[in-house]
């Protein structure tokens, strides 16, 4: 066990080593026996905090509140409540996908093409080149 791990455990479980996980107690005792004064200070500080928390009075819980909490916890959610929570999460995914698609579209229109500049016209190009698209092959043969 390292002093850093010892400090983490003291902050999480308090100054009483009996409250610590059983797998950590022996190594913590061995580290304390090494005589490091900072570890004793950490343990004293955690014990002080434990005392402060133990002195704090807890408000009494009304029996009606306890019954209401148990009733709400055991009540099964309706189909619509479960569906709404699922759809609510899925809507954020949809918004994210739409944002990615819009970003790709803007980037594809704004960035220059990877091929030679003269080969394909740019969307923002205002050149004088005539581009004629003829869909009717019969009209072209008659000209």
N, C-alpha and C. Protein backbone atom coordinates (compact mmCIF):
# COMPACT_ATOMS: atom_id res chain seq x y z
N UNK A 1 0.85 -1.17 0.00
CA UNK A 1 0.00 0.00 0.00
C UNK A 1 0.89 1.24 0.00
N UNK A 2 0.47 2.22 -0.76
CA UNK A 2 1.22 3.47 -0.84
C UNK A 2 0.58 4.51 0.08
N UNK A 3 1.31 5.54 0.44
CA UNK A 3 0.70 6.61 1.25
C UNK A 3 -0.48 7.28 0.55
N UNK A 4 -0.40 7.37 -0.78
CA UNK A 4 -1.51 7.96 -1.53
C UNK A 4 -2.77 7.09 -1.40
N UNK A 5 -2.61 5.80 -1.53
CA UNK A 5 -3.75 4.88 -1.38
C UNK A 5 -4.29 4.94 0.06
N UNK A 6 -3.41 5.03 1.03
CA UNK A 6 -3.82 5.14 2.43
C UNK A 6 -4.69 6.39 2.63
N UNK A 7 -4.26 7.51 2.04
CA UNK A 7 -5.02 8.76 2.15
C UNK A 7 -6.38 8.62 1.49
N UNK A 8 -6.43 7.99 0.32
CA UNK A 8 -7.71 7.78 -0.36
C UNK A 8 -8.67 6.97 0.50
N UNK A 9 -8.17 5.91 1.10
CA UNK A 9 -9.01 5.06 1.94
C UNK A 9 -9.46 5.79 3.20
N UNK A 10 -8.59 6.60 3.78
CA UNK A 10 -8.97 7.36 4.97
C UNK A 10 -10.06 8.38 4.63
N UNK A 11 -9.96 8.99 3.47
CA UNK A 11 -10.99 9.96 3.06
C UNK A 11 -12.31 9.27 2.74
N UNK A 12 -12.24 8.06 2.24
CA UNK A 12 -13.46 7.36 1.86
C UNK A 12 -14.13 6.66 3.04
N UNK A 13 -13.34 6.02 3.90
CA UNK A 13 -13.90 5.18 4.96
C UNK A 13 -13.73 5.74 6.36
N UNK A 14 -12.98 6.79 6.53
CA UNK A 14 -12.85 7.41 7.83
C UNK A 14 -11.61 6.97 8.58
N UNK A 15 -11.54 7.42 9.84
CA UNK A 15 -10.36 7.19 10.65
C UNK A 15 -10.34 5.86 11.37
N UNK A 16 -11.44 5.14 11.42
CA UNK A 16 -11.49 3.84 12.08
C UNK A 16 -11.15 2.76 11.05
N UNK A 17 -10.03 2.07 11.28
CA UNK A 17 -9.60 1.05 10.31
C UNK A 17 -10.58 -0.12 10.23
N UNK A 18 -11.43 -0.30 11.23
CA UNK A 18 -12.40 -1.40 11.19
C UNK A 18 -13.48 -1.15 10.14
N UNK A 19 -13.64 0.09 9.73
CA UNK A 19 -14.61 0.42 8.68
C UNK A 19 -14.03 0.21 7.27
N UNK A 20 -12.74 0.06 7.18
CA UNK A 20 -12.08 -0.09 5.89
C UNK A 20 -12.33 -1.49 5.34
N UNK A 21 -12.18 -1.69 4.03
CA UNK A 21 -12.30 -3.04 3.47
C UNK A 21 -11.28 -3.99 4.11
N UNK A 22 -11.73 -5.19 4.35
CA UNK A 22 -10.87 -6.15 5.07
C UNK A 22 -9.59 -6.46 4.31
N UNK A 23 -9.61 -6.40 3.00
CA UNK A 23 -8.41 -6.69 2.21
C UNK A 23 -7.34 -5.59 2.37
N UNK A 24 -7.75 -4.41 2.80
CA UNK A 24 -6.83 -3.28 2.91
C UNK A 24 -6.31 -3.06 4.33
N UNK A 25 -6.95 -3.64 5.33
CA UNK A 25 -6.63 -3.34 6.72
C UNK A 25 -5.21 -3.74 7.10
N UNK A 26 -4.79 -4.95 6.75
CA UNK A 26 -3.46 -5.43 7.16
C UNK A 26 -2.35 -4.57 6.57
N UNK A 27 -2.48 -4.23 5.30
CA UNK A 27 -1.44 -3.41 4.67
C UNK A 27 -1.46 -1.98 5.23
N UNK A 28 -2.63 -1.49 5.63
CA UNK A 28 -2.70 -0.17 6.25
C UNK A 28 -2.04 -0.19 7.62
N UNK A 29 -2.29 -1.24 8.38
CA UNK A 29 -1.65 -1.38 9.70
C UNK A 29 -0.12 -1.44 9.55
N UNK A 30 0.35 -2.17 8.56
CA UNK A 30 1.80 -2.29 8.34
C UNK A 30 2.39 -0.94 7.95
N UNK A 31 1.66 -0.17 7.15
CA UNK A 31 2.15 1.14 6.74
C UNK A 31 2.16 2.10 7.93
N UNK A 32 1.15 2.01 8.78
CA UNK A 32 1.13 2.84 9.99
C UNK A 32 2.27 2.49 10.93
N UNK A 33 2.62 1.20 11.01
CA UNK A 33 3.70 0.75 11.89
C UNK A 33 5.06 1.24 11.42
N UNK A 34 5.15 1.67 10.16
CA UNK A 34 6.43 2.17 9.65
C UNK A 34 6.81 3.49 10.30
N UNK A 35 5.85 4.16 10.95
CA UNK A 35 6.15 5.38 11.70
C UNK A 35 6.07 6.66 10.91
N UNK A 36 5.41 6.67 9.78
CA UNK A 36 5.26 7.88 8.97
C UNK A 36 4.28 8.83 9.67
N UNK A 37 4.74 10.00 10.04
CA UNK A 37 3.91 10.94 10.80
C UNK A 37 2.79 11.54 9.95
N UNK A 38 2.99 11.65 8.65
CA UNK A 38 1.93 12.21 7.80
C UNK A 38 0.73 11.28 7.75
N UNK A 39 0.96 9.97 7.82
CA UNK A 39 -0.16 9.04 7.80
C UNK A 39 -0.97 9.13 9.08
N UNK A 40 -0.28 9.34 10.22
CA UNK A 40 -1.00 9.54 11.48
C UNK A 40 -1.83 10.81 11.43
N UNK A 41 -1.30 11.84 10.79
CA UNK A 41 -2.05 13.10 10.66
C UNK A 41 -3.28 12.90 9.77
N UNK A 42 -3.14 12.13 8.70
CA UNK A 42 -4.27 11.84 7.83
C UNK A 42 -5.34 11.08 8.60
N UNK A 43 -4.93 10.12 9.41
CA UNK A 43 -5.86 9.32 10.19
C UNK A 43 -6.55 10.17 11.26
N UNK A 44 -5.81 11.09 11.89
CA UNK A 44 -6.42 11.99 12.89
C UNK A 44 -7.44 12.91 12.24
N UNK A 45 -7.12 13.42 11.05
CA UNK A 45 -8.05 14.31 10.35
C UNK A 45 -9.32 13.56 9.96
N UNK A 46 -9.19 12.33 9.49
CA UNK A 46 -10.35 11.54 9.14
C UNK A 46 -11.18 11.21 10.38
N UNK A 47 -10.53 10.96 11.51
CA UNK A 47 -11.25 10.70 12.76
C UNK A 47 -12.00 11.94 13.23
N UNK A 48 -11.37 13.10 13.08
CA UNK A 48 -12.04 14.35 13.45
C UNK A 48 -13.30 14.55 12.62
N UNK A 49 -13.20 14.30 11.32
CA UNK A 49 -14.36 14.44 10.46
C UNK A 49 -15.44 13.44 10.84
N UNK A 50 -15.06 12.22 11.19
CA UNK A 50 -16.03 11.22 11.64
C UNK A 50 -16.78 11.71 12.87
N UNK A 51 -16.05 12.30 13.82
CA UNK A 51 -16.69 12.82 15.03
C UNK A 51 -17.67 13.94 14.72
N UNK A 52 -17.28 14.83 13.80
CA UNK A 52 -18.16 15.93 13.42
C UNK A 52 -19.44 15.41 12.77
N UNK A 53 -19.30 14.43 11.93
CA UNK A 53 -20.48 13.86 11.27
C UNK A 53 -21.36 13.08 12.25
N UNK A 54 -20.74 12.42 13.23
CA UNK A 54 -21.52 11.68 14.22
C UNK A 54 -22.29 12.60 15.14
N UNK A 55 -21.79 13.81 15.38
CA UNK A 55 -22.48 14.78 16.24
C UNK A 55 -23.67 15.42 15.56
N UNK A 56 -23.70 15.43 14.26
CA UNK A 56 -24.77 16.11 13.53
C UNK A 56 -26.09 15.38 13.76
N UNK A 57 -27.12 16.10 14.22
CA UNK A 57 -28.40 15.44 14.47
C UNK A 57 -29.12 15.14 13.15
N UNK A 58 -29.68 13.98 13.09
CA UNK A 58 -30.44 13.59 11.91
C UNK A 58 -31.91 13.92 12.13
N UNK A 59 -32.55 14.52 11.14
CA UNK A 59 -33.98 14.81 11.31
C UNK A 59 -34.78 13.50 11.27
N UNK A 60 -35.86 13.50 12.02
CA UNK A 60 -36.72 12.32 12.05
C UNK A 60 -37.49 12.22 10.74
N UNK A 61 -37.58 11.02 10.24
CA UNK A 61 -38.32 10.78 9.00
C UNK A 61 -39.74 10.41 9.37
N UNK A 62 -40.68 11.08 8.76
CA UNK A 62 -42.08 10.78 9.07
C UNK A 62 -42.46 9.43 8.46
N UNK A 63 -43.29 8.67 9.13
CA UNK A 63 -43.73 7.37 8.59
C UNK A 63 -44.47 7.52 7.26
N UNK A 64 -45.17 8.62 7.10
CA UNK A 64 -45.89 8.84 5.84
C UNK A 64 -44.91 8.99 4.68
N UNK A 65 -43.81 9.72 4.89
CA UNK A 65 -42.80 9.88 3.85
C UNK A 65 -42.16 8.54 3.51
N UNK A 66 -41.86 7.74 4.51
CA UNK A 66 -41.26 6.42 4.27
C UNK A 66 -42.21 5.54 3.46
N UNK A 67 -43.52 5.56 3.79
CA UNK A 67 -44.49 4.77 3.03
C UNK A 67 -44.60 5.26 1.59
N UNK A 68 -44.55 6.57 1.40
CA UNK A 68 -44.65 7.14 0.05
C UNK A 68 -43.43 6.74 -0.80
N UNK A 69 -42.25 6.75 -0.19
CA UNK A 69 -41.03 6.36 -0.92
C UNK A 69 -41.11 4.90 -1.34
N UNK A 70 -41.54 4.04 -0.42
CA UNK A 70 -41.66 2.61 -0.74
C UNK A 70 -42.72 2.39 -1.81
N UNK A 71 -43.83 3.11 -1.72
CA UNK A 71 -44.90 2.95 -2.72
C UNK A 71 -44.43 3.40 -4.09
N UNK A 72 -43.71 4.50 -4.16
CA UNK A 72 -43.21 4.99 -5.45
C UNK A 72 -42.15 4.06 -6.03
N UNK A 73 -41.34 3.45 -5.17
CA UNK A 73 -40.29 2.56 -5.66
C UNK A 73 -40.85 1.26 -6.20
N UNK A 74 -41.94 0.79 -5.63
CA UNK A 74 -42.51 -0.49 -6.07
C UNK A 74 -43.52 -0.32 -7.19
N UNK A 75 -43.90 0.90 -7.50
CA UNK A 75 -44.88 1.14 -8.55
C UNK A 75 -44.23 0.95 -9.92
N UNK A 76 -44.88 0.18 -10.78
CA UNK A 76 -44.33 -0.08 -12.11
C UNK A 76 -44.66 1.08 -13.04
N UNK A 77 -43.69 1.46 -13.87
CA UNK A 77 -43.90 2.54 -14.81
C UNK A 77 -44.78 2.08 -15.95
N UNK A 78 -45.56 3.01 -16.47
CA UNK A 78 -46.42 2.68 -17.60
C UNK A 78 -45.59 2.54 -18.88
N UNK A 79 -46.21 1.99 -19.89
CA UNK A 79 -45.53 1.82 -21.18
C UNK A 79 -45.08 3.16 -21.74
N UNK A 80 -45.94 4.17 -21.62
CA UNK A 80 -45.63 5.48 -22.19
C UNK A 80 -44.50 6.17 -21.44
N UNK A 81 -44.43 5.97 -20.14
CA UNK A 81 -43.34 6.58 -19.37
C UNK A 81 -42.00 5.94 -19.76
N UNK A 82 -41.98 4.61 -19.94
CA UNK A 82 -40.74 3.95 -20.36
C UNK A 82 -40.38 4.37 -21.78
N UNK A 83 -41.34 4.46 -22.67
CA UNK A 83 -41.08 4.84 -24.06
C UNK A 83 -40.58 6.27 -24.16
N UNK A 84 -41.20 7.15 -23.36
CA UNK A 84 -40.78 8.55 -23.40
C UNK A 84 -39.32 8.70 -22.99
N UNK A 85 -38.91 8.01 -21.94
CA UNK A 85 -37.52 8.14 -21.51
C UNK A 85 -36.57 7.59 -22.56
N UNK A 86 -36.95 6.52 -23.25
CA UNK A 86 -36.11 5.96 -24.30
C UNK A 86 -36.04 6.91 -25.49
N UNK A 87 -37.19 7.46 -25.89
CA UNK A 87 -37.21 8.36 -27.04
C UNK A 87 -36.49 9.68 -26.74
N UNK A 88 -36.57 10.11 -25.50
CA UNK A 88 -35.89 11.34 -25.13
C UNK A 88 -34.38 11.19 -25.31
N UNK A 89 -33.83 10.06 -24.90
CA UNK A 89 -32.40 9.81 -25.10
C UNK A 89 -32.05 9.65 -26.57
N UNK A 90 -32.93 8.99 -27.32
CA UNK A 90 -32.66 8.78 -28.75
C UNK A 90 -32.71 10.10 -29.52
N UNK A 91 -33.50 11.06 -29.04
CA UNK A 91 -33.57 12.33 -29.75
C UNK A 91 -32.23 13.06 -29.72
N UNK A 92 -31.49 12.93 -28.61
CA UNK A 92 -30.17 13.55 -28.55
C UNK A 92 -29.22 12.90 -29.54
N UNK A 93 -29.34 11.60 -29.73
CA UNK A 93 -28.52 10.92 -30.72
C UNK A 93 -28.85 11.42 -32.12
N UNK A 94 -30.14 11.58 -32.41
CA UNK A 94 -30.57 12.09 -33.71
C UNK A 94 -30.07 13.50 -33.97
N UNK A 95 -30.11 14.34 -32.95
CA UNK A 95 -29.61 15.71 -33.10
C UNK A 95 -28.11 15.70 -33.39
N UNK A 96 -27.39 14.82 -32.70
CA UNK A 96 -25.95 14.72 -32.95
C UNK A 96 -25.64 14.27 -34.36
N UNK A 97 -26.38 13.28 -34.84
CA UNK A 97 -26.17 12.79 -36.21
C UNK A 97 -26.49 13.87 -37.23
N UNK A 98 -27.57 14.62 -36.99
CA UNK A 98 -27.92 15.71 -37.90
C UNK A 98 -26.83 16.79 -37.92
N UNK A 99 -26.24 17.07 -36.77
CA UNK A 99 -25.17 18.05 -36.70
C UNK A 99 -23.93 17.59 -37.47
N UNK A 100 -23.61 16.32 -37.34
CA UNK A 100 -22.46 15.77 -38.07
C UNK A 100 -22.72 15.84 -39.57
N UNK A 101 -23.93 15.47 -40.00
CA UNK A 101 -24.27 15.52 -41.42
C UNK A 101 -24.20 16.95 -41.95
N UNK A 102 -24.70 17.92 -41.20
CA UNK A 102 -24.65 19.32 -41.63
C UNK A 102 -23.20 19.79 -41.72
N UNK A 103 -22.38 19.39 -40.77
CA UNK A 103 -20.97 19.77 -40.81
C UNK A 103 -20.25 19.19 -42.01
N UNK A 104 -20.55 17.94 -42.33
CA UNK A 104 -19.92 17.31 -43.51
C UNK A 104 -20.37 18.02 -44.78
N UNK A 105 -21.65 18.39 -44.85
CA UNK A 105 -22.16 19.08 -46.04
C UNK A 105 -21.47 20.43 -46.21
N UNK A 106 -21.37 21.20 -45.14
CA UNK A 106 -20.73 22.51 -45.23
C UNK A 106 -19.26 22.36 -45.61
N UNK A 107 -18.58 21.39 -45.01
CA UNK A 107 -17.17 21.19 -45.33
C UNK A 107 -16.98 20.76 -46.78
N UNK A 108 -17.88 19.91 -47.28
CA UNK A 108 -17.72 19.46 -48.66
C UNK A 108 -17.99 20.58 -49.66
N UNK A 109 -18.85 21.53 -49.30
CA UNK A 109 -19.11 22.64 -50.20
C UNK A 109 -18.03 23.72 -50.12
N UNK A 110 -17.43 23.87 -48.99
CA UNK A 110 -16.48 24.96 -48.80
C UNK A 110 -15.05 24.58 -49.16
N UNK A 111 -14.69 23.34 -48.99
CA UNK A 111 -13.31 22.94 -49.27
C UNK A 111 -13.11 22.73 -50.76
N UNK A 112 -11.93 23.03 -51.26
CA UNK A 112 -11.66 22.80 -52.69
C UNK A 112 -11.61 21.30 -52.98
N UNK A 113 -11.88 20.98 -54.23
CA UNK A 113 -11.86 19.59 -54.63
C UNK A 113 -10.42 19.08 -54.69
N UNK A 114 -10.24 17.79 -54.53
CA UNK A 114 -8.89 17.22 -54.52
C UNK A 114 -8.33 17.05 -55.92
N UNK A 115 -9.17 17.14 -56.95
CA UNK A 115 -8.70 16.97 -58.32
C UNK A 115 -8.22 18.31 -58.87
N UNK A 116 -7.76 18.30 -60.10
CA UNK A 116 -7.25 19.51 -60.73
C UNK A 116 -8.34 20.58 -60.77
N UNK A 117 -7.97 21.83 -60.53
CA UNK A 117 -8.93 22.92 -60.39
C UNK A 117 -9.78 23.13 -61.64
N UNK A 118 -9.19 22.98 -62.79
CA UNK A 118 -9.91 23.25 -64.03
C UNK A 118 -10.82 22.10 -64.44
N UNK A 119 -10.67 20.93 -63.84
CA UNK A 119 -11.43 19.77 -64.29
C UNK A 119 -12.90 19.87 -63.91
N UNK A 120 -13.20 20.25 -62.70
CA UNK A 120 -14.58 20.33 -62.24
C UNK A 120 -14.87 21.73 -61.72
N UNK A 121 -16.05 22.25 -61.98
CA UNK A 121 -16.36 23.60 -61.48
C UNK A 121 -16.61 23.55 -59.97
N UNK A 122 -16.23 24.60 -59.29
CA UNK A 122 -16.46 24.74 -57.86
C UNK A 122 -17.85 25.33 -57.66
N UNK A 123 -18.48 25.03 -56.57
CA UNK A 123 -19.82 25.56 -56.29
C UNK A 123 -19.78 27.07 -56.19
N UNK A 124 -18.70 27.64 -55.66
CA UNK A 124 -18.59 29.07 -55.47
C UNK A 124 -17.89 29.75 -56.64
N UNK A 125 -17.64 29.02 -57.71
CA UNK A 125 -16.94 29.57 -58.87
C UNK A 125 -17.91 30.41 -59.68
N UNK A 126 -17.49 31.61 -60.03
CA UNK A 126 -18.35 32.47 -60.85
C UNK A 126 -17.70 32.70 -62.21
N UNK A 127 -17.09 31.66 -62.72
CA UNK A 127 -16.41 31.78 -64.02
C UNK A 127 -17.40 31.91 -65.17
N UNK A 128 -16.86 32.13 -66.38
CA UNK A 128 -17.69 32.33 -67.56
C UNK A 128 -17.91 31.05 -68.34
N UNK A 129 -17.49 29.91 -67.81
CA UNK A 129 -17.61 28.66 -68.54
C UNK A 129 -19.07 28.25 -68.71
N UNK A 130 -19.39 27.74 -69.90
CA UNK A 130 -20.74 27.27 -70.17
C UNK A 130 -20.82 25.79 -69.88
N UNK A 131 -21.75 25.45 -69.05
CA UNK A 131 -21.98 24.05 -68.75
C UNK A 131 -23.39 23.74 -69.23
N UNK A 132 -23.49 22.83 -70.18
CA UNK A 132 -24.77 22.49 -70.77
C UNK A 132 -25.05 21.02 -70.47
N UNK A 133 -26.19 20.78 -69.88
CA UNK A 133 -26.62 19.42 -69.60
C UNK A 133 -27.81 19.13 -70.49
N UNK A 134 -27.67 18.12 -71.31
CA UNK A 134 -28.73 17.76 -72.22
C UNK A 134 -29.19 16.36 -71.87
N UNK A 135 -30.43 16.22 -71.50
CA UNK A 135 -30.96 14.93 -71.11
C UNK A 135 -31.64 14.21 -72.27
N UNK A 136 -31.95 14.92 -73.32
CA UNK A 136 -32.64 14.30 -74.45
C UNK A 136 -31.64 14.05 -75.56
N UNK A 137 -31.31 12.80 -75.78
CA UNK A 137 -30.32 12.43 -76.79
C UNK A 137 -30.83 12.71 -78.19
N UNK A 138 -32.15 12.67 -78.40
CA UNK A 138 -32.72 12.90 -79.73
C UNK A 138 -32.53 14.34 -80.15
N UNK A 139 -32.64 15.28 -79.25
CA UNK A 139 -32.45 16.70 -79.60
C UNK A 139 -31.03 16.96 -80.06
N UNK A 140 -30.07 16.31 -79.44
CA UNK A 140 -28.68 16.54 -79.78
C UNK A 140 -28.36 16.03 -81.18
N UNK A 141 -28.95 14.95 -81.61
CA UNK A 141 -28.67 14.42 -82.94
C UNK A 141 -29.32 15.26 -84.03
N UNK A 142 -30.41 15.96 -83.74
CA UNK A 142 -31.08 16.75 -84.76
C UNK A 142 -30.35 18.06 -85.01
N UNK A 143 -29.55 18.53 -84.12
CA UNK A 143 -28.89 19.85 -84.29
C UNK A 143 -27.83 19.78 -85.26
